[in-house]
Amino acid sequence: MNQCNQLIIGIGNPLRGDDALGAEAIRALEARALPPGVKTVHVQQLSMDLAEPLGAASLAVFIDARLGEPAGELRAAELKPNSCLNASGVSHFFTPETLLAAVQALYGQHPKAYLFSVNAHTFDFGAPLSPLVHAALPRLLDRVLNVLRTSP
C-alpha cells in the first residue's frame, strides 16, 4: 500500500453546477502548499477504488455538495463507519460512512474522517458554481486546512 498520512477526497461532477464543489476545492487546495503526506483526489462518486488509499491514511477528509437549505451553508461532521448501503435511488450509492465500513472490514482499521459539505443551489448541467456556494469555498478551505494542521 502507498502510505499517505492524510487523504482529501473531493466528490462531485464538475459539469453539474454546485456538484463541482469537490473538484473546485481540490483544485484550490492543490494550488496551495499542502504539508508533506497530504494526498488529494477528485472523484465523481465514491467507489471501492478508494479503499486502499483510505486504509493507508490516518485522516480522511471528504468534500461534497449536498441538498439542503439555505444554499451556501457549510456543514462539518466527524464520520463513523456505517455498513448500510444506500440503495434508495439517490445518486451516491456509497456514502463516506459505508466506504469507511468497507475499509474497516478489509484492513481492520479506518482513518479518522470528516465530511465538509455545502448546501447547493443548483445541480443543473453546465452551470457554474452558484454565487452562494462559491462564496462558501474560502471558509470550506480554511476549515479543511485547520483539520489537516490539528490532526496527527
N, C-alpha and C. Protein backbone atom coordinates (compact mmCIF):
# COMPACT_ATOMS: atom_id res chain seq x y z
N MET A 1 0.83 -1.18 0.00
CA MET A 1 0.00 0.00 0.00
C MET A 1 0.87 1.25 0.00
N ASN A 2 0.46 2.26 -0.76
CA ASN A 2 1.15 3.54 -0.70
C ASN A 2 0.73 4.26 0.56
N GLN A 3 1.72 4.72 1.32
CA GLN A 3 1.42 5.40 2.57
C GLN A 3 1.19 6.89 2.35
N CYS A 4 0.15 7.42 2.89
CA CYS A 4 -0.05 8.86 3.00
C CYS A 4 -0.73 9.07 4.33
N ASN A 5 -0.36 10.10 5.00
CA ASN A 5 -0.95 10.37 6.30
C ASN A 5 -2.36 10.91 6.20
N GLN A 6 -2.59 11.78 5.22
CA GLN A 6 -3.87 12.46 5.13
C GLN A 6 -4.36 12.43 3.68
N LEU A 7 -5.64 12.10 3.52
CA LEU A 7 -6.24 11.99 2.20
C LEU A 7 -7.45 12.90 2.12
N ILE A 8 -7.49 13.76 1.10
CA ILE A 8 -8.63 14.65 0.87
C ILE A 8 -9.32 14.18 -0.40
N ILE A 9 -10.62 13.92 -0.30
CA ILE A 9 -11.39 13.41 -1.43
C ILE A 9 -12.49 14.42 -1.76
N GLY A 10 -12.38 15.02 -2.93
CA GLY A 10 -13.43 15.91 -3.43
C GLY A 10 -14.38 15.10 -4.28
N ILE A 11 -15.67 15.18 -3.97
CA ILE A 11 -16.69 14.36 -4.62
C ILE A 11 -17.58 15.27 -5.47
N GLY A 12 -17.91 14.82 -6.69
CA GLY A 12 -18.90 15.53 -7.46
C GLY A 12 -18.57 15.66 -8.93
N ASN A 13 -19.59 15.96 -9.69
CA ASN A 13 -19.49 16.11 -11.14
C ASN A 13 -19.20 17.57 -11.47
N PRO A 14 -18.04 17.86 -12.06
CA PRO A 14 -17.69 19.25 -12.36
C PRO A 14 -18.54 19.89 -13.45
N LEU A 15 -19.43 19.12 -14.07
CA LEU A 15 -20.29 19.66 -15.13
C LEU A 15 -21.71 19.93 -14.65
N ARG A 16 -21.96 19.80 -13.33
CA ARG A 16 -23.32 19.92 -12.80
C ARG A 16 -23.43 20.99 -11.72
N GLY A 17 -23.17 22.24 -12.06
CA GLY A 17 -23.38 23.34 -11.14
C GLY A 17 -22.62 23.17 -9.85
N ASP A 18 -23.33 23.25 -8.73
CA ASP A 18 -22.70 23.20 -7.42
C ASP A 18 -22.11 21.83 -7.08
N ASP A 19 -22.46 20.81 -7.86
CA ASP A 19 -21.85 19.50 -7.65
C ASP A 19 -20.35 19.55 -7.93
N ALA A 20 -19.90 20.61 -8.60
CA ALA A 20 -18.47 20.80 -8.89
C ALA A 20 -17.69 21.24 -7.66
N LEU A 21 -18.34 21.43 -6.52
CA LEU A 21 -17.66 21.90 -5.32
C LEU A 21 -16.45 21.04 -4.96
N GLY A 22 -16.59 19.73 -4.98
CA GLY A 22 -15.48 18.85 -4.63
C GLY A 22 -14.27 19.06 -5.53
N ALA A 23 -14.51 19.16 -6.85
CA ALA A 23 -13.43 19.38 -7.80
C ALA A 23 -12.80 20.75 -7.60
N GLU A 24 -13.62 21.76 -7.40
CA GLU A 24 -13.11 23.13 -7.18
C GLU A 24 -12.28 23.21 -5.91
N ALA A 25 -12.74 22.56 -4.86
CA ALA A 25 -12.00 22.57 -3.59
C ALA A 25 -10.65 21.87 -3.75
N ILE A 26 -10.62 20.75 -4.45
CA ILE A 26 -9.35 20.04 -4.67
C ILE A 26 -8.40 20.91 -5.47
N ARG A 27 -8.90 21.54 -6.54
CA ARG A 27 -8.05 22.44 -7.34
C ARG A 27 -7.47 23.56 -6.49
N ALA A 28 -8.30 24.16 -5.66
CA ALA A 28 -7.84 25.27 -4.81
C ALA A 28 -6.83 24.79 -3.77
N LEU A 29 -7.05 23.62 -3.19
CA LEU A 29 -6.11 23.08 -2.21
C LEU A 29 -4.78 22.73 -2.86
N GLU A 30 -4.83 22.15 -4.07
CA GLU A 30 -3.58 21.79 -4.76
C GLU A 30 -2.77 23.03 -5.15
N ALA A 31 -3.43 24.17 -5.30
CA ALA A 31 -2.72 25.41 -5.63
C ALA A 31 -1.98 25.98 -4.42
N ARG A 32 -2.29 25.49 -3.25
CA ARG A 32 -1.62 25.92 -2.02
C ARG A 32 -0.48 24.96 -1.70
N ALA A 33 0.37 25.36 -0.80
CA ALA A 33 1.46 24.48 -0.36
C ALA A 33 0.92 23.56 0.74
N LEU A 34 0.45 22.39 0.35
CA LEU A 34 -0.06 21.42 1.33
C LEU A 34 1.11 20.75 2.03
N PRO A 35 0.93 20.38 3.28
CA PRO A 35 2.00 19.71 4.01
C PRO A 35 2.39 18.39 3.35
N PRO A 36 3.63 17.93 3.56
CA PRO A 36 4.01 16.61 3.05
C PRO A 36 3.09 15.53 3.62
N GLY A 37 2.83 14.51 2.83
CA GLY A 37 1.98 13.42 3.29
C GLY A 37 0.51 13.62 3.03
N VAL A 38 0.13 14.77 2.43
CA VAL A 38 -1.27 15.01 2.09
C VAL A 38 -1.48 14.66 0.63
N LYS A 39 -2.45 13.79 0.37
CA LYS A 39 -2.80 13.41 -0.99
C LYS A 39 -4.20 13.91 -1.28
N THR A 40 -4.42 14.43 -2.48
CA THR A 40 -5.74 14.88 -2.90
C THR A 40 -6.22 14.05 -4.07
N VAL A 41 -7.52 13.87 -4.14
CA VAL A 41 -8.12 13.13 -5.26
C VAL A 41 -9.52 13.68 -5.48
N HIS A 42 -9.91 13.75 -6.76
CA HIS A 42 -11.29 14.11 -7.10
C HIS A 42 -11.95 12.91 -7.75
N VAL A 43 -13.16 12.60 -7.32
CA VAL A 43 -13.96 11.53 -7.91
C VAL A 43 -15.38 12.04 -8.14
N GLN A 44 -16.03 11.51 -9.15
CA GLN A 44 -17.43 11.90 -9.35
C GLN A 44 -18.34 11.22 -8.33
N GLN A 45 -18.01 9.98 -7.98
CA GLN A 45 -18.74 9.24 -6.95
C GLN A 45 -17.76 8.38 -6.19
N LEU A 46 -18.10 8.07 -4.96
CA LEU A 46 -17.27 7.19 -4.16
C LEU A 46 -17.40 5.76 -4.66
N SER A 47 -16.29 5.02 -4.61
CA SER A 47 -16.29 3.63 -5.02
C SER A 47 -15.24 2.87 -4.22
N MET A 48 -15.24 1.56 -4.39
CA MET A 48 -14.28 0.72 -3.67
C MET A 48 -12.84 0.97 -4.11
N ASP A 49 -12.63 1.66 -5.21
CA ASP A 49 -11.27 2.02 -5.63
C ASP A 49 -10.55 2.84 -4.57
N LEU A 50 -11.29 3.48 -3.70
CA LEU A 50 -10.70 4.33 -2.67
C LEU A 50 -10.35 3.56 -1.40
N ALA A 51 -10.72 2.29 -1.32
CA ALA A 51 -10.49 1.53 -0.08
C ALA A 51 -9.01 1.44 0.26
N GLU A 52 -8.18 1.15 -0.71
CA GLU A 52 -6.75 1.00 -0.42
C GLU A 52 -6.11 2.30 0.08
N PRO A 53 -6.28 3.43 -0.62
CA PRO A 53 -5.69 4.65 -0.07
C PRO A 53 -6.29 5.05 1.28
N LEU A 54 -7.58 4.79 1.48
CA LEU A 54 -8.18 5.09 2.78
C LEU A 54 -7.62 4.19 3.87
N GLY A 55 -7.35 2.93 3.53
CA GLY A 55 -6.79 2.01 4.51
C GLY A 55 -5.39 2.40 4.95
N ALA A 56 -4.69 3.16 4.12
CA ALA A 56 -3.33 3.59 4.43
C ALA A 56 -3.29 4.96 5.11
N ALA A 57 -4.41 5.65 5.16
CA ALA A 57 -4.44 7.02 5.69
C ALA A 57 -4.77 7.04 7.18
N SER A 58 -4.24 8.02 7.87
CA SER A 58 -4.62 8.24 9.27
C SER A 58 -5.77 9.24 9.38
N LEU A 59 -5.95 10.05 8.34
CA LEU A 59 -7.01 11.06 8.31
C LEU A 59 -7.59 11.12 6.91
N ALA A 60 -8.92 11.16 6.82
CA ALA A 60 -9.60 11.34 5.54
C ALA A 60 -10.56 12.51 5.66
N VAL A 61 -10.53 13.37 4.66
CA VAL A 61 -11.45 14.50 4.58
C VAL A 61 -12.23 14.36 3.29
N PHE A 62 -13.55 14.30 3.39
CA PHE A 62 -14.43 14.23 2.23
C PHE A 62 -15.04 15.61 2.04
N ILE A 63 -15.15 16.06 0.79
CA ILE A 63 -15.75 17.36 0.46
C ILE A 63 -16.82 17.10 -0.59
N ASP A 64 -18.04 17.60 -0.32
CA ASP A 64 -19.15 17.32 -1.23
C ASP A 64 -20.20 18.41 -1.13
N ALA A 65 -20.94 18.61 -2.21
CA ALA A 65 -22.13 19.45 -2.19
C ALA A 65 -23.29 18.59 -1.69
N ARG A 66 -24.29 19.22 -1.12
CA ARG A 66 -25.43 18.47 -0.60
C ARG A 66 -26.72 19.22 -0.85
N LEU A 67 -27.81 18.47 -0.85
CA LEU A 67 -29.12 19.10 -0.90
C LEU A 67 -29.40 19.69 0.46
N GLY A 68 -29.99 20.86 0.49
CA GLY A 68 -30.33 21.46 1.77
C GLY A 68 -30.49 22.96 1.66
N GLU A 69 -31.09 23.50 2.64
CA GLU A 69 -31.32 24.94 2.73
C GLU A 69 -30.70 25.45 4.02
N PRO A 70 -30.21 26.63 4.07
CA PRO A 70 -30.08 27.58 2.96
C PRO A 70 -28.86 27.25 2.10
N ALA A 71 -28.94 27.60 0.82
CA ALA A 71 -27.82 27.39 -0.09
C ALA A 71 -26.60 28.14 0.44
N GLY A 72 -25.44 27.50 0.33
CA GLY A 72 -24.20 28.11 0.77
C GLY A 72 -23.82 27.80 2.21
N GLU A 73 -24.71 27.15 2.96
CA GLU A 73 -24.40 26.82 4.35
C GLU A 73 -23.36 25.70 4.40
N LEU A 74 -22.30 25.93 5.17
CA LEU A 74 -21.23 24.96 5.35
C LEU A 74 -21.53 24.09 6.56
N ARG A 75 -21.37 22.78 6.36
CA ARG A 75 -21.55 21.84 7.46
C ARG A 75 -20.31 20.97 7.59
N ALA A 76 -20.00 20.58 8.81
CA ALA A 76 -18.87 19.70 9.07
C ALA A 76 -19.32 18.63 10.04
N ALA A 77 -18.85 17.41 9.81
CA ALA A 77 -19.22 16.30 10.69
C ALA A 77 -18.08 15.31 10.75
N GLU A 78 -17.82 14.79 11.95
CA GLU A 78 -16.90 13.67 12.07
C GLU A 78 -17.68 12.42 11.70
N LEU A 79 -17.06 11.54 10.95
CA LEU A 79 -17.74 10.36 10.42
C LEU A 79 -17.34 9.10 11.15
N LYS A 80 -18.27 8.18 11.23
CA LYS A 80 -18.05 6.84 11.76
C LYS A 80 -18.49 5.84 10.71
N PRO A 81 -17.87 4.66 10.66
CA PRO A 81 -18.29 3.64 9.69
C PRO A 81 -19.75 3.25 9.88
N ASN A 82 -20.44 3.02 8.76
CA ASN A 82 -21.82 2.55 8.78
C ASN A 82 -21.99 1.66 7.56
N SER A 83 -22.29 0.40 7.77
CA SER A 83 -22.32 -0.56 6.67
C SER A 83 -23.63 -0.60 5.91
N CYS A 84 -24.56 0.28 6.20
CA CYS A 84 -25.83 0.30 5.47
C CYS A 84 -25.64 0.99 4.13
N LEU A 85 -25.75 0.22 3.04
CA LEU A 85 -25.64 0.80 1.70
C LEU A 85 -26.91 1.56 1.37
N ASN A 86 -26.76 2.63 0.62
CA ASN A 86 -27.88 3.46 0.23
C ASN A 86 -28.35 3.02 -1.15
N ALA A 87 -29.46 2.33 -1.20
CA ALA A 87 -29.99 1.86 -2.48
C ALA A 87 -31.34 2.51 -2.77
N SER A 88 -31.56 3.70 -2.27
CA SER A 88 -32.86 4.35 -2.39
C SER A 88 -33.03 5.14 -3.68
N GLY A 89 -32.12 4.97 -4.64
CA GLY A 89 -32.28 5.66 -5.91
C GLY A 89 -31.60 7.01 -5.97
N VAL A 90 -30.89 7.39 -4.92
CA VAL A 90 -30.16 8.65 -4.97
C VAL A 90 -28.86 8.46 -5.74
N SER A 91 -28.18 9.53 -6.04
CA SER A 91 -27.02 9.45 -6.94
C SER A 91 -25.79 8.81 -6.30
N HIS A 92 -25.67 8.83 -5.00
CA HIS A 92 -24.48 8.26 -4.37
C HIS A 92 -24.85 6.95 -3.68
N PHE A 93 -24.43 5.83 -4.26
CA PHE A 93 -24.70 4.51 -3.67
C PHE A 93 -23.83 4.34 -2.43
N PHE A 94 -22.53 4.64 -2.56
CA PHE A 94 -21.62 4.61 -1.42
C PHE A 94 -21.63 5.98 -0.77
N THR A 95 -21.74 6.00 0.53
CA THR A 95 -21.53 7.24 1.28
C THR A 95 -20.14 7.15 1.90
N PRO A 96 -19.61 8.25 2.40
CA PRO A 96 -18.34 8.14 3.10
C PRO A 96 -18.38 7.12 4.24
N GLU A 97 -19.51 7.05 4.94
CA GLU A 97 -19.63 6.12 6.07
C GLU A 97 -19.60 4.66 5.61
N THR A 98 -20.26 4.34 4.48
CA THR A 98 -20.22 2.96 4.01
C THR A 98 -18.84 2.60 3.48
N LEU A 99 -18.16 3.57 2.88
CA LEU A 99 -16.80 3.32 2.42
C LEU A 99 -15.86 3.09 3.61
N LEU A 100 -16.04 3.85 4.68
CA LEU A 100 -15.24 3.62 5.90
C LEU A 100 -15.51 2.24 6.48
N ALA A 101 -16.76 1.78 6.44
CA ALA A 101 -17.09 0.44 6.94
C ALA A 101 -16.39 -0.62 6.09
N ALA A 102 -16.34 -0.42 4.79
CA ALA A 102 -15.65 -1.37 3.92
C ALA A 102 -14.16 -1.38 4.22
N VAL A 103 -13.58 -0.22 4.44
CA VAL A 103 -12.15 -0.13 4.79
C VAL A 103 -11.89 -0.84 6.11
N GLN A 104 -12.77 -0.65 7.09
CA GLN A 104 -12.65 -1.33 8.38
C GLN A 104 -12.69 -2.84 8.20
N ALA A 105 -13.61 -3.31 7.37
CA ALA A 105 -13.73 -4.76 7.14
C ALA A 105 -12.50 -5.32 6.42
N LEU A 106 -11.96 -4.59 5.49
CA LEU A 106 -10.82 -5.07 4.72
C LEU A 106 -9.49 -4.98 5.46
N TYR A 107 -9.29 -3.90 6.19
CA TYR A 107 -7.97 -3.62 6.78
C TYR A 107 -7.95 -3.65 8.31
N GLY A 108 -9.10 -3.85 8.93
CA GLY A 108 -9.15 -3.91 10.39
C GLY A 108 -8.99 -2.57 11.06
N GLN A 109 -9.04 -1.50 10.28
CA GLN A 109 -8.93 -0.13 10.80
C GLN A 109 -9.49 0.82 9.75
N HIS A 110 -9.75 2.02 10.18
CA HIS A 110 -10.18 3.07 9.24
C HIS A 110 -9.59 4.38 9.74
N PRO A 111 -9.41 5.34 8.84
CA PRO A 111 -8.87 6.63 9.28
C PRO A 111 -9.91 7.43 10.03
N LYS A 112 -9.44 8.35 10.85
CA LYS A 112 -10.33 9.37 11.39
C LYS A 112 -10.84 10.13 10.19
N ALA A 113 -12.14 10.44 10.14
CA ALA A 113 -12.70 11.02 8.92
C ALA A 113 -13.68 12.13 9.22
N TYR A 114 -13.69 13.09 8.31
CA TYR A 114 -14.61 14.23 8.39
C TYR A 114 -15.26 14.44 7.03
N LEU A 115 -16.49 14.94 7.06
CA LEU A 115 -17.18 15.36 5.85
C LEU A 115 -17.45 16.85 5.97
N PHE A 116 -16.97 17.60 4.98
CA PHE A 116 -17.29 19.01 4.85
C PHE A 116 -18.21 19.14 3.65
N SER A 117 -19.39 19.69 3.87
CA SER A 117 -20.36 19.82 2.79
C SER A 117 -20.95 21.21 2.79
N VAL A 118 -21.39 21.62 1.62
CA VAL A 118 -22.04 22.92 1.45
C VAL A 118 -23.38 22.68 0.78
N ASN A 119 -24.42 23.30 1.31
CA ASN A 119 -25.74 23.18 0.71
C ASN A 119 -25.73 23.82 -0.68
N ALA A 120 -26.17 23.06 -1.66
CA ALA A 120 -26.14 23.50 -3.06
C ALA A 120 -27.38 24.31 -3.42
N HIS A 121 -27.21 25.13 -4.44
CA HIS A 121 -28.32 25.89 -5.01
C HIS A 121 -28.82 25.22 -6.30
N THR A 122 -27.88 24.70 -7.11
CA THR A 122 -28.26 24.09 -8.38
C THR A 122 -27.33 22.93 -8.74
N PHE A 123 -27.91 21.91 -9.35
CA PHE A 123 -27.15 20.80 -9.91
C PHE A 123 -27.38 20.74 -11.43
N ASP A 124 -27.74 21.87 -12.03
CA ASP A 124 -28.03 21.92 -13.46
C ASP A 124 -26.78 21.63 -14.29
N PHE A 125 -26.97 20.93 -15.40
CA PHE A 125 -25.86 20.65 -16.31
C PHE A 125 -25.30 21.95 -16.87
N GLY A 126 -23.98 22.05 -16.87
CA GLY A 126 -23.31 23.19 -17.48
C GLY A 126 -23.27 24.45 -16.65
N ALA A 127 -23.97 24.47 -15.53
CA ALA A 127 -23.99 25.67 -14.70
C ALA A 127 -22.68 25.79 -13.92
N PRO A 128 -22.20 27.01 -13.70
CA PRO A 128 -21.02 27.18 -12.82
C PRO A 128 -21.45 27.05 -11.37
N LEU A 129 -20.47 27.11 -10.45
CA LEU A 129 -20.84 27.17 -9.03
C LEU A 129 -21.74 28.38 -8.82
N SER A 130 -22.79 28.21 -8.05
CA SER A 130 -23.66 29.34 -7.75
C SER A 130 -22.91 30.34 -6.86
N PRO A 131 -23.30 31.60 -6.87
CA PRO A 131 -22.60 32.61 -6.06
C PRO A 131 -22.54 32.25 -4.57
N LEU A 132 -23.61 31.68 -4.01
CA LEU A 132 -23.61 31.34 -2.59
C LEU A 132 -22.63 30.22 -2.27
N VAL A 133 -22.54 29.22 -3.13
CA VAL A 133 -21.60 28.12 -2.91
C VAL A 133 -20.18 28.59 -3.17
N HIS A 134 -19.99 29.39 -4.20
CA HIS A 134 -18.66 29.95 -4.47
C HIS A 134 -18.18 30.78 -3.29
N ALA A 135 -19.07 31.54 -2.68
CA ALA A 135 -18.71 32.37 -1.52
C ALA A 135 -18.34 31.52 -0.31
N ALA A 136 -18.87 30.31 -0.22
CA ALA A 136 -18.56 29.42 0.91
C ALA A 136 -17.21 28.73 0.75
N LEU A 137 -16.65 28.72 -0.45
CA LEU A 137 -15.42 27.98 -0.73
C LEU A 137 -14.24 28.42 0.15
N PRO A 138 -13.97 29.71 0.34
CA PRO A 138 -12.84 30.08 1.22
C PRO A 138 -13.00 29.58 2.66
N ARG A 139 -14.21 29.65 3.20
CA ARG A 139 -14.46 29.14 4.56
C ARG A 139 -14.24 27.63 4.61
N LEU A 140 -14.70 26.93 3.58
CA LEU A 140 -14.51 25.49 3.49
C LEU A 140 -13.02 25.15 3.48
N LEU A 141 -12.25 25.83 2.64
CA LEU A 141 -10.82 25.56 2.55
C LEU A 141 -10.13 25.82 3.88
N ASP A 142 -10.50 26.91 4.56
CA ASP A 142 -9.91 27.20 5.87
C ASP A 142 -10.20 26.10 6.87
N ARG A 143 -11.43 25.59 6.88
CA ARG A 143 -11.80 24.51 7.81
C ARG A 143 -11.03 23.23 7.51
N VAL A 144 -10.89 22.90 6.22
CA VAL A 144 -10.14 21.69 5.84
C VAL A 144 -8.69 21.84 6.24
N LEU A 145 -8.08 22.97 5.94
CA LEU A 145 -6.67 23.18 6.30
C LEU A 145 -6.47 23.15 7.80
N ASN A 146 -7.42 23.65 8.56
CA ASN A 146 -7.33 23.61 10.02
C ASN A 146 -7.34 22.16 10.52
N VAL A 147 -8.20 21.31 9.95
CA VAL A 147 -8.22 19.90 10.34
C VAL A 147 -6.89 19.23 10.00
N LEU A 148 -6.33 19.55 8.84
CA LEU A 148 -5.02 18.97 8.45
C LEU A 148 -3.95 19.37 9.45
N ARG A 149 -3.96 20.64 9.87
CA ARG A 149 -2.92 21.13 10.79
C ARG A 149 -3.06 20.55 12.20
N THR A 150 -4.28 20.29 12.62
CA THR A 150 -4.51 19.88 14.01
C THR A 150 -4.61 18.37 14.21
N SER A 151 -4.62 17.62 13.10
CA SER A 151 -4.70 16.15 13.23
C SER A 151 -3.31 15.55 13.15
N PRO A 152 -3.09 14.50 13.93
CA PRO A 152 -1.77 13.85 13.90
C PRO A 152 -1.46 13.19 12.57
